[in-house]
Amino acid sequence: MGAAALVGGALAGVLYDISVPLLIVVVAGIQTAALVLLWVTRAVRSTPVR
């Protein structure tokens, strides 16, 4: 988890240097992907096994 935080921070720093609107778009996209993965994970775990 520490390595992922390091990579995320570095990516945010690079994107901040390039373009703040691009940083916002990338972060929003990553958050959307995380939300979709959360919904899929919860749906799979709540489905009863037959």
Protein backbone atom coordinates (compact mmCIF):
# COMPACT_ATOMS: atom_id res chain seq x y z
CA MET A 1 0.00 0.00 0.00
CA GLY A 2 2.91 2.33 0.65
CA ALA A 3 4.24 1.84 -2.87
CA ALA A 4 0.82 2.66 -4.34
CA ALA A 5 0.67 5.84 -2.26
CA LEU A 6 4.13 6.82 -3.51
CA VAL A 7 3.17 6.22 -7.15
CA GLY A 8 -0.13 8.06 -6.71
CA GLY A 9 1.59 11.04 -5.15
CA ALA A 10 4.21 11.14 -7.87
CA LEU A 11 1.54 10.91 -10.58
CA ALA A 12 -0.45 13.71 -8.96
CA GLY A 13 2.67 15.87 -8.79
CA VAL A 14 3.55 15.31 -12.43
CA LEU A 15 -0.01 15.99 -13.55
CA TYR A 16 -0.12 19.13 -11.39
CA ASP A 17 2.98 20.42 -13.16
CA ILE A 18 1.50 19.64 -16.58
CA SER A 19 -2.11 20.74 -16.16
CA VAL A 20 -4.47 21.12 -13.20
CA PRO A 21 -7.59 20.37 -15.30
CA LEU A 22 -5.91 17.17 -16.52
CA LEU A 23 -5.16 16.25 -12.89
CA ILE A 24 -8.84 16.74 -12.04
CA VAL A 25 -9.98 14.58 -14.96
CA VAL A 26 -7.53 11.78 -14.11
CA VAL A 27 -8.44 11.78 -10.41
CA ALA A 28 -12.17 11.80 -11.24
CA GLY A 29 -11.65 8.86 -13.61
CA ILE A 30 -9.73 6.87 -11.02
CA GLN A 31 -12.40 7.58 -8.40
CA THR A 32 -15.14 6.49 -10.83
CA ALA A 33 -13.29 3.26 -11.57
CA ALA A 34 -12.89 2.62 -7.83
CA LEU A 35 -16.61 3.18 -7.28
CA VAL A 36 -17.49 0.74 -10.08
CA LEU A 37 -15.12 -1.86 -8.61
CA LEU A 38 -16.74 -1.37 -5.20
CA TRP A 39 -20.23 -1.90 -6.65
CA VAL A 40 -19.11 -5.03 -8.55
CA THR A 41 -17.38 -6.46 -5.49
CA ARG A 42 -20.42 -5.85 -3.28
CA ALA A 43 -22.76 -7.38 -5.90
CA VAL A 44 -20.62 -10.51 -6.20
CA ARG A 45 -20.34 -10.95 -2.43
CA SER A 46 -24.07 -10.42 -1.83
CA THR A 47 -25.15 -12.93 -4.53
CA PRO A 48 -26.16 -16.19 -2.85
CA VAL A 49 -24.31 -19.30 -3.99
CA ARG A 50 -26.54 -22.15 -5.15
